[in-house]
Amino acid sequence: MAIWAGDADAPNAIVGGGPRAPPEPGRGGARLAIIGFGGAGRELARLLALKSDEMDRLGVKVVAVADSRGAAICPRGFTGYELLKLAETPRSQVSSGPCGRPGAGVDEVYDETAPTIHVEVTPSDYETGEPGLSHAFKALRSGASFVTANKAPLALRFWDIVSEAASRGLYLGYSATVMAGTPLVSLLRGLRGCELRSFEGILNATTNYVLTVMQEKLVPLEEALEEAKAVGVAEPDPSLDLEGWDAAAKLVIVANTLGYKLTLGDVRRRPLNVSLGDVVSAMRRGRVVKYVARFTPGGAAEVAPVEVEQGSFLAQARGTENAVTIDVGFNVVKLAGRGGGVDATAHALLADIIEAVRGWVP
């Protein structure tokens, strides 16, 4: 999703005002700072390099890339070749590449380049929200639109960030935070006029992959998890996925996008601690164990392993697929597709960047 913030109570507002007006639709022009340079940040750099002709037409240039140990700062804008070289630098060593500045941080990036779009791709911390939370306010208070794949800032202080963007007429884009490979957040924006009865979905690729392996290969959770790590689906430390933090944060973003004020503390989390016996027992009864996020206005908000009917829509999501059903009374909307991955995340970030520059013009 992406919003031009004009009304702090309307997460899909388009018109705004403030100290820096958004670019006129179709005219383009932006200075990008990519903050966080792990897998998704590097994939975004590659994608921008491959689309350099289109970026040139839009007047978009990357002026800085930063990781935890330094930055590469180039006020004139990196060429496509230079972006590709940056993407090849070892992890946490972007400052060893073109225009490298060891030890430089976000303050130096802003002082030297005055970015107009801040792209946040740092890891999520659901206790403090840092560094993404501070970066969100730094960007907006400096007059830069904020595009993020980091869920923590929005999961912890969604309306504060929306209000900050609204007061300054700046763009806030977060399509990459939930089902980045499938346009769920844009769909949610289109349902704001409907009366939500319930939302439920599979929002975490790691837990869904693990449960799929358990069901198809009849192996215990530990063995399925090792396979997920081996193929790159699970992180070396998958606790944020297995304990439900990732799915809960996404559920918070979903609910708030639909206009309901939900916080992480409101979401009941049950970890993925099912046994092979649980999975087999469910299969014998014509059911499938899935890790499901559920929200009902005025009712429960939870993420937990639950049994669903074998022929149901959610049961059809296999491996890293995500799937959601949204009951709005007169219609039950269903959406399924890839939930994430560095390529999907990079494309979602790019979609928000283009929308920030061009507005709603196709």
Protein backbone atom coordinates (compact mmCIF):
# COMPACT_ATOMS: atom_id res chain seq x y z
CA MET A 1 0.00 0.00 0.00
CA ALA A 2 0.99 3.57 -0.52
CA ILE A 3 -0.70 6.69 0.73
CA TRP A 4 -0.54 10.39 0.23
CA ALA A 5 -1.31 11.40 3.77
CA GLY A 6 -3.76 14.26 4.12
CA ASP A 7 -6.08 12.99 6.85
CA ALA A 8 -4.56 11.22 9.83
CA ASP A 9 -7.77 9.20 10.24
CA ALA A 10 -7.76 7.92 6.66
CA PRO A 11 -4.86 5.57 5.89
CA ASN A 12 -5.69 5.68 2.18
CA ALA A 13 -6.00 9.45 1.83
CA ILE A 14 -4.55 10.85 -1.40
CA VAL A 15 -4.49 14.63 -1.06
CA GLY A 16 -2.25 16.39 1.40
CA GLY A 17 -0.41 19.57 2.20
CA GLY A 18 2.68 20.45 4.18
CA PRO A 19 6.11 21.99 4.00
CA ARG A 20 7.08 19.98 0.93
CA ALA A 21 4.45 19.26 -1.71
CA PRO A 22 4.56 15.82 -3.37
CA PRO A 23 5.83 15.66 -6.93
CA GLU A 24 3.20 16.44 -9.53
CA PRO A 25 1.89 13.17 -11.00
CA GLY A 26 3.83 12.19 -14.08
CA ARG A 27 6.67 14.70 -13.62
CA GLY A 28 8.84 12.55 -11.39
CA GLY A 29 12.14 13.23 -9.71
CA ALA A 30 13.39 11.76 -6.45
CA ARG A 31 16.56 11.21 -4.45
CA LEU A 32 16.50 7.77 -2.84
CA ALA A 33 18.33 6.67 0.28
CA ILE A 34 18.24 2.90 0.85
CA ILE A 35 18.73 2.27 4.57
CA GLY A 36 19.47 -1.39 5.26
CA PHE A 37 21.37 -3.48 2.77
CA GLY A 38 20.65 -7.14 3.39
CA GLY A 39 19.04 -9.44 0.86
CA ALA A 40 16.04 -7.25 0.02
CA GLY A 41 18.06 -4.02 -0.09
CA ARG A 42 20.57 -5.56 -2.48
CA GLU A 43 17.82 -6.99 -4.66
CA LEU A 44 16.22 -3.54 -4.83
CA ALA A 45 19.57 -2.05 -5.90
CA ARG A 46 19.85 -4.68 -8.65
CA LEU A 47 16.28 -4.05 -9.74
CA LEU A 48 16.82 -0.29 -9.92
CA ALA A 49 19.99 -0.89 -11.94
CA LEU A 50 18.17 -3.17 -14.39
CA LYS A 51 15.44 -0.57 -14.75
CA SER A 52 17.85 2.34 -15.00
CA ASP A 53 16.30 3.65 -18.23
CA GLU A 54 12.88 3.87 -16.61
CA MET A 55 14.37 5.41 -13.47
CA ASP A 56 16.16 8.00 -15.59
CA ARG A 57 12.89 8.93 -17.29
CA LEU A 58 11.31 9.38 -13.87
CA GLY A 59 14.26 11.38 -12.60
CA VAL A 60 14.89 8.83 -9.83
CA LYS A 61 18.41 8.42 -8.54
CA VAL A 62 19.87 6.54 -5.59
CA VAL A 63 22.05 8.96 -3.64
CA ALA A 64 22.93 6.78 -0.64
CA VAL A 65 22.98 3.21 0.61
CA ALA A 66 23.65 2.43 4.27
CA ASP A 67 24.14 -0.65 6.42
CA SER A 68 25.05 -1.19 10.07
CA ARG A 69 28.73 -0.26 9.59
CA GLY A 70 28.72 2.59 7.15
CA ALA A 71 27.33 4.01 3.97
CA ALA A 72 28.01 4.72 0.34
CA ILE A 73 27.09 8.34 -0.36
CA CYS A 74 26.87 9.84 -3.84
CA PRO A 75 24.92 13.11 -4.15
CA ARG A 76 25.08 12.99 -7.98
CA GLY A 77 23.37 9.58 -7.92
CA PHE A 78 24.84 6.12 -8.47
CA THR A 79 24.95 4.74 -11.99
CA GLY A 80 23.37 1.39 -12.70
CA TYR A 81 26.81 -0.20 -12.84
CA GLU A 82 27.74 1.27 -9.47
CA LEU A 83 24.52 -0.07 -7.93
CA LEU A 84 25.33 -3.53 -9.22
CA LYS A 85 28.82 -3.29 -7.71
CA LEU A 86 27.34 -2.21 -4.37
CA ALA A 87 25.00 -5.20 -4.45
CA GLU A 88 28.05 -7.46 -4.77
CA THR A 89 29.86 -6.11 -1.68
CA PRO A 90 30.07 -8.44 1.34
CA ARG A 91 27.39 -8.09 4.00
CA SER A 92 27.83 -5.08 6.30
CA GLN A 93 30.59 -3.73 4.05
CA VAL A 94 28.73 -1.41 1.70
CA SER A 95 31.17 1.31 2.71
CA SER A 96 33.93 -0.67 0.98
CA GLY A 97 32.25 -0.15 -2.39
CA PRO A 98 31.87 2.93 -4.64
CA CYS A 99 31.72 6.21 -2.67
CA GLY A 100 32.20 4.26 0.57
CA ARG A 101 32.13 6.03 3.91
CA PRO A 102 32.99 3.69 6.81
CA GLY A 103 31.14 4.62 9.98
CA ALA A 104 28.73 7.03 8.27
CA GLY A 105 25.13 6.75 9.39
CA VAL A 106 21.68 8.10 8.60
CA ASP A 107 22.50 11.61 9.83
CA GLU A 108 25.41 11.89 7.41
CA VAL A 109 23.21 10.55 4.61
CA TYR A 110 20.64 13.28 5.23
CA ASP A 111 23.19 16.04 5.75
CA GLU A 112 24.96 15.30 2.47
CA THR A 113 22.16 14.18 0.14
CA ALA A 114 18.80 15.51 1.48
CA PRO A 115 16.87 12.47 0.20
CA THR A 116 13.26 12.92 -0.87
CA ILE A 117 12.39 9.23 -0.44
CA HIS A 118 13.71 7.12 2.42
CA VAL A 119 13.57 3.36 1.74
CA GLU A 120 13.71 1.38 5.00
CA VAL A 121 14.95 -2.21 4.69
CA THR A 122 16.45 -2.73 8.17
CA PRO A 123 15.51 -5.77 10.31
CA SER A 124 12.33 -5.67 12.40
CA ASP A 125 12.63 -5.37 16.18
CA TYR A 126 9.22 -5.77 17.81
CA GLU A 127 10.34 -4.71 21.27
CA THR A 128 11.84 -1.30 20.51
CA GLY A 129 11.02 -0.83 16.84
CA GLU A 130 14.58 0.33 16.27
CA PRO A 131 16.25 1.41 14.16
CA GLY A 132 13.28 1.59 11.81
CA LEU A 133 11.04 3.57 14.15
CA SER A 134 13.53 6.40 14.62
CA HIS A 135 14.26 6.33 10.89
CA ALA A 136 10.56 6.75 10.09
CA PHE A 137 10.29 9.97 12.11
CA LYS A 138 13.72 11.15 10.93
CA ALA A 139 12.59 10.80 7.31
CA LEU A 140 9.20 12.45 7.71
CA ARG A 141 10.47 15.31 9.88
CA SER A 142 13.21 15.94 7.29
CA GLY A 143 10.64 16.18 4.50
CA ALA A 144 11.30 12.75 2.95
CA SER A 145 8.56 10.31 2.04
CA PHE A 146 8.88 6.95 3.80
CA VAL A 147 8.75 3.59 2.00
CA THR A 148 9.31 0.55 4.19
CA ALA A 149 9.66 -3.21 4.23
CA ASN A 150 10.35 -3.11 7.98
CA LYS A 151 7.10 -4.01 9.77
CA ALA A 152 8.08 -2.99 13.30
CA PRO A 153 7.53 0.79 13.05
CA LEU A 154 3.98 0.35 11.76
CA ALA A 155 3.21 -2.58 14.04
CA LEU A 156 4.16 -0.50 17.09
CA ARG A 157 3.11 3.04 16.17
CA PHE A 158 0.99 2.89 13.02
CA TRP A 159 -1.19 5.94 13.67
CA ASP A 160 1.64 8.09 14.98
CA ILE A 161 3.51 7.54 11.72
CA VAL A 162 0.39 8.13 9.62
CA SER A 163 -0.29 11.35 11.53
CA GLU A 164 3.30 12.54 11.07
CA ALA A 165 3.09 11.94 7.33
CA ALA A 166 -0.34 13.58 7.20
CA SER A 167 0.82 16.73 8.94
CA ARG A 168 3.58 17.17 6.35
CA GLY A 169 1.80 16.04 3.20
CA LEU A 170 4.27 13.24 2.67
CA TYR A 171 3.92 9.83 1.10
CA LEU A 172 3.87 6.65 3.17
CA GLY A 173 4.27 3.33 1.37
CA TYR A 174 4.30 -0.11 2.97
CA SER A 175 3.22 -2.62 0.32
CA ALA A 176 6.30 -4.70 1.15
CA THR A 177 5.31 -5.32 4.77
CA VAL A 178 2.50 -7.83 4.20
CA MET A 179 2.33 -10.37 1.37
CA ALA A 180 4.92 -8.43 -0.59
CA GLY A 181 4.64 -10.76 -3.56
CA THR A 182 0.87 -10.28 -3.80
CA PRO A 183 -0.91 -6.90 -3.59
CA LEU A 184 -2.84 -7.51 -0.36
CA VAL A 185 -2.40 -4.05 1.14
CA SER A 186 -3.66 -2.37 -2.03
CA LEU A 187 -6.68 -4.67 -1.90
CA LEU A 188 -7.33 -3.70 1.72
CA ARG A 189 -7.36 -0.05 0.72
CA GLY A 190 -10.17 -0.83 -1.72
CA LEU A 191 -12.25 -2.39 1.06
CA ARG A 192 -12.25 0.61 3.39
CA GLY A 193 -15.89 1.36 2.56
CA CYS A 194 -17.03 -2.13 3.49
CA GLU A 195 -18.11 -3.48 6.85
CA LEU A 196 -15.51 -6.02 7.88
CA ARG A 197 -16.90 -9.13 9.52
CA SER A 198 -13.71 -11.13 9.73
CA PHE A 199 -10.21 -11.51 8.37
CA GLU A 200 -8.17 -14.68 8.45
CA GLY A 201 -5.09 -15.66 6.60
CA ILE A 202 -1.78 -17.41 6.33
CA LEU A 203 0.67 -14.51 6.49
CA ASN A 204 3.97 -16.18 7.36
CA ALA A 205 5.85 -18.15 4.72
CA THR A 206 8.23 -19.94 7.10
CA THR A 207 5.57 -21.57 9.28
CA ASN A 208 3.51 -22.53 6.24
CA TYR A 209 6.53 -24.14 4.59
CA VAL A 210 7.38 -26.07 7.75
CA LEU A 211 3.80 -27.35 8.14
CA THR A 212 3.67 -28.31 4.46
CA VAL A 213 6.87 -30.37 4.79
CA MET A 214 5.54 -32.04 7.95
CA GLN A 215 2.37 -33.02 6.16
CA GLU A 216 3.90 -34.14 2.87
CA LYS A 217 6.99 -35.92 4.21
CA LEU A 218 5.65 -36.99 7.62
CA VAL A 219 8.64 -35.62 9.49
CA PRO A 220 8.75 -33.84 12.88
CA LEU A 221 8.85 -30.07 13.18
CA GLU A 222 12.57 -29.97 13.89
CA GLU A 223 13.43 -31.82 10.69
CA ALA A 224 11.04 -29.72 8.62
CA LEU A 225 12.59 -26.58 10.07
CA GLU A 226 16.09 -27.71 9.14
CA GLU A 227 14.91 -28.17 5.56
CA ALA A 228 13.39 -24.69 5.59
CA LYS A 229 16.74 -23.28 6.72
CA ALA A 230 18.63 -25.28 4.10
CA VAL A 231 16.56 -23.87 1.23
CA GLY A 232 16.68 -20.32 2.60
CA VAL A 233 13.03 -20.06 3.64
CA ALA A 234 13.80 -19.87 7.37
CA GLU A 235 16.32 -17.58 9.03
CA PRO A 236 19.17 -19.13 11.07
CA ASP A 237 17.21 -17.90 14.11
CA PRO A 238 13.53 -18.38 13.11
CA SER A 239 12.09 -17.39 16.50
CA LEU A 240 10.24 -14.32 15.16
CA ASP A 241 8.36 -16.64 12.80
CA LEU A 242 7.84 -19.61 15.09
CA GLU A 243 6.73 -17.48 18.05
CA GLY A 244 4.23 -15.56 15.93
CA TRP A 245 5.79 -12.09 16.03
CA ASP A 246 5.98 -11.78 12.25
CA ALA A 247 2.39 -12.89 11.66
CA ALA A 248 1.10 -10.75 14.53
CA ALA A 249 2.83 -7.63 13.18
CA LYS A 250 1.33 -8.24 9.76
CA LEU A 251 -2.11 -8.71 11.29
CA VAL A 252 -1.75 -5.37 13.10
CA ILE A 253 -0.87 -3.64 9.83
CA VAL A 254 -3.83 -5.27 8.08
CA ALA A 255 -6.32 -4.23 10.77
CA ASN A 256 -5.05 -0.65 10.95
CA THR A 257 -5.07 -0.31 7.17
CA LEU A 258 -8.75 -1.25 7.30
CA GLY A 259 -9.27 1.47 9.90
CA TYR A 260 -9.24 -0.53 13.14
CA LYS A 261 -6.83 0.52 15.88
CA LEU A 262 -5.00 -2.65 16.84
CA THR A 263 -1.61 -2.95 18.55
CA LEU A 264 0.80 -5.82 18.95
CA GLY A 265 -0.25 -6.12 22.58
CA ASP A 266 -3.83 -6.79 21.45
CA VAL A 267 -2.83 -9.86 19.45
CA ARG A 268 -2.78 -13.21 21.20
CA ARG A 269 0.21 -15.21 20.01
CA ARG A 270 0.48 -18.97 20.19
CA PRO A 271 3.81 -20.40 18.97
CA LEU A 272 4.10 -23.08 16.34
CA ASN A 273 4.71 -26.05 18.63
CA VAL A 274 2.75 -28.79 16.87
CA SER A 275 3.99 -32.36 16.77
CA LEU A 276 3.98 -34.79 13.89
CA GLY A 277 1.24 -36.60 15.77
CA ASP A 278 -0.92 -33.46 15.71
CA VAL A 279 -0.45 -33.14 11.96
CA VAL A 280 -1.24 -36.82 11.27
CA SER A 281 -4.27 -36.77 13.55
CA ALA A 282 -5.69 -33.78 11.69
CA MET A 283 -5.09 -35.44 8.32
CA ARG A 284 -6.99 -38.55 9.41
CA ARG A 285 -9.97 -36.33 10.19
CA GLY A 286 -9.85 -34.57 6.83
CA ARG A 287 -8.21 -31.45 8.21
CA VAL A 288 -4.90 -29.62 7.83
CA VAL A 289 -2.87 -27.72 10.44
CA LYS A 290 -2.09 -24.16 9.38
CA TYR A 291 -0.61 -21.16 11.18
CA VAL A 292 -3.45 -18.65 10.86
CA ALA A 293 -3.85 -14.96 11.71
CA ARG A 294 -7.41 -13.98 12.62
CA PHE A 295 -9.11 -10.65 13.35
CA THR A 296 -12.74 -9.85 14.08
CA PRO A 297 -13.76 -6.23 14.77
CA GLY A 298 -14.73 -5.99 18.42
CA GLY A 299 -13.57 -9.56 18.95
CA ALA A 300 -10.43 -11.63 18.93
CA ALA A 301 -7.11 -10.97 17.26
CA GLU A 302 -4.77 -13.94 17.32
CA VAL A 303 -2.12 -15.89 15.47
CA ALA A 304 -2.03 -19.61 16.20
CA PRO A 305 -1.73 -23.09 14.72
CA VAL A 306 -5.27 -24.23 13.94
CA GLU A 307 -6.97 -26.98 11.97
CA VAL A 308 -8.78 -26.04 8.75
CA GLU A 309 -10.87 -28.20 6.43
CA GLN A 310 -8.72 -30.02 3.89
CA GLY A 311 -10.67 -28.60 0.94
CA SER A 312 -10.79 -25.03 2.23
CA PHE A 313 -9.16 -22.05 0.56
CA LEU A 314 -6.50 -21.66 3.27
CA ALA A 315 -5.65 -25.36 3.11
CA GLN A 316 -4.65 -24.96 -0.54
CA ALA A 317 -1.75 -22.64 0.32
CA ARG A 318 1.36 -24.82 0.15
CA GLY A 319 5.00 -24.11 0.88
CA THR A 320 5.77 -20.39 0.93
CA GLU A 321 2.37 -19.34 -0.38
CA ASN A 322 0.19 -17.00 1.62
CA ALA A 323 -3.60 -16.85 1.47
CA VAL A 324 -6.31 -14.70 3.04
CA THR A 325 -10.10 -14.59 3.19
CA ILE A 326 -11.84 -11.30 4.01
CA ASP A 327 -15.55 -11.40 4.86
CA VAL A 328 -17.21 -8.04 4.23
CA GLY A 329 -20.80 -9.25 4.46
CA PHE A 330 -21.97 -8.98 0.86
CA ASN A 331 -18.79 -10.65 -0.38
CA VAL A 332 -15.98 -12.93 0.78
CA VAL A 333 -12.78 -11.79 -0.89
CA LYS A 334 -10.03 -14.36 -1.31
CA LEU A 335 -6.43 -13.75 -2.31
CA ALA A 336 -3.47 -16.11 -2.55
CA GLY A 337 0.07 -15.87 -3.82
CA ARG A 338 3.68 -15.47 -2.83
CA GLY A 339 4.07 -13.84 0.53
CA GLY A 340 7.64 -12.67 0.36
CA GLY A 341 11.22 -13.36 -0.61
CA VAL A 342 13.84 -10.79 -1.52
CA ASP A 343 12.70 -10.48 -5.13
CA ALA A 344 9.04 -10.00 -4.19
CA THR A 345 9.98 -7.51 -1.48
CA ALA A 346 12.16 -5.53 -3.88
CA HIS A 347 9.37 -5.33 -6.45
CA ALA A 348 6.88 -4.17 -3.81
CA LEU A 349 9.32 -1.47 -2.68
CA LEU A 350 9.81 -0.37 -6.27
CA ALA A 351 6.05 -0.16 -6.79
CA ASP A 352 5.78 2.20 -3.82
CA ILE A 353 8.75 4.25 -5.02
CA ILE A 354 7.18 4.70 -8.46
CA GLU A 355 3.86 5.62 -6.90
CA ALA A 356 5.58 8.13 -4.62
CA VAL A 357 7.14 9.78 -7.67
CA ARG A 358 4.27 9.56 -10.16
CA GLY A 359 1.25 9.65 -7.89
CA TRP A 360 -1.65 7.59 -9.22
CA VAL A 361 -0.87 8.13 -12.91
CA PRO A 362 -0.42 4.75 -14.69
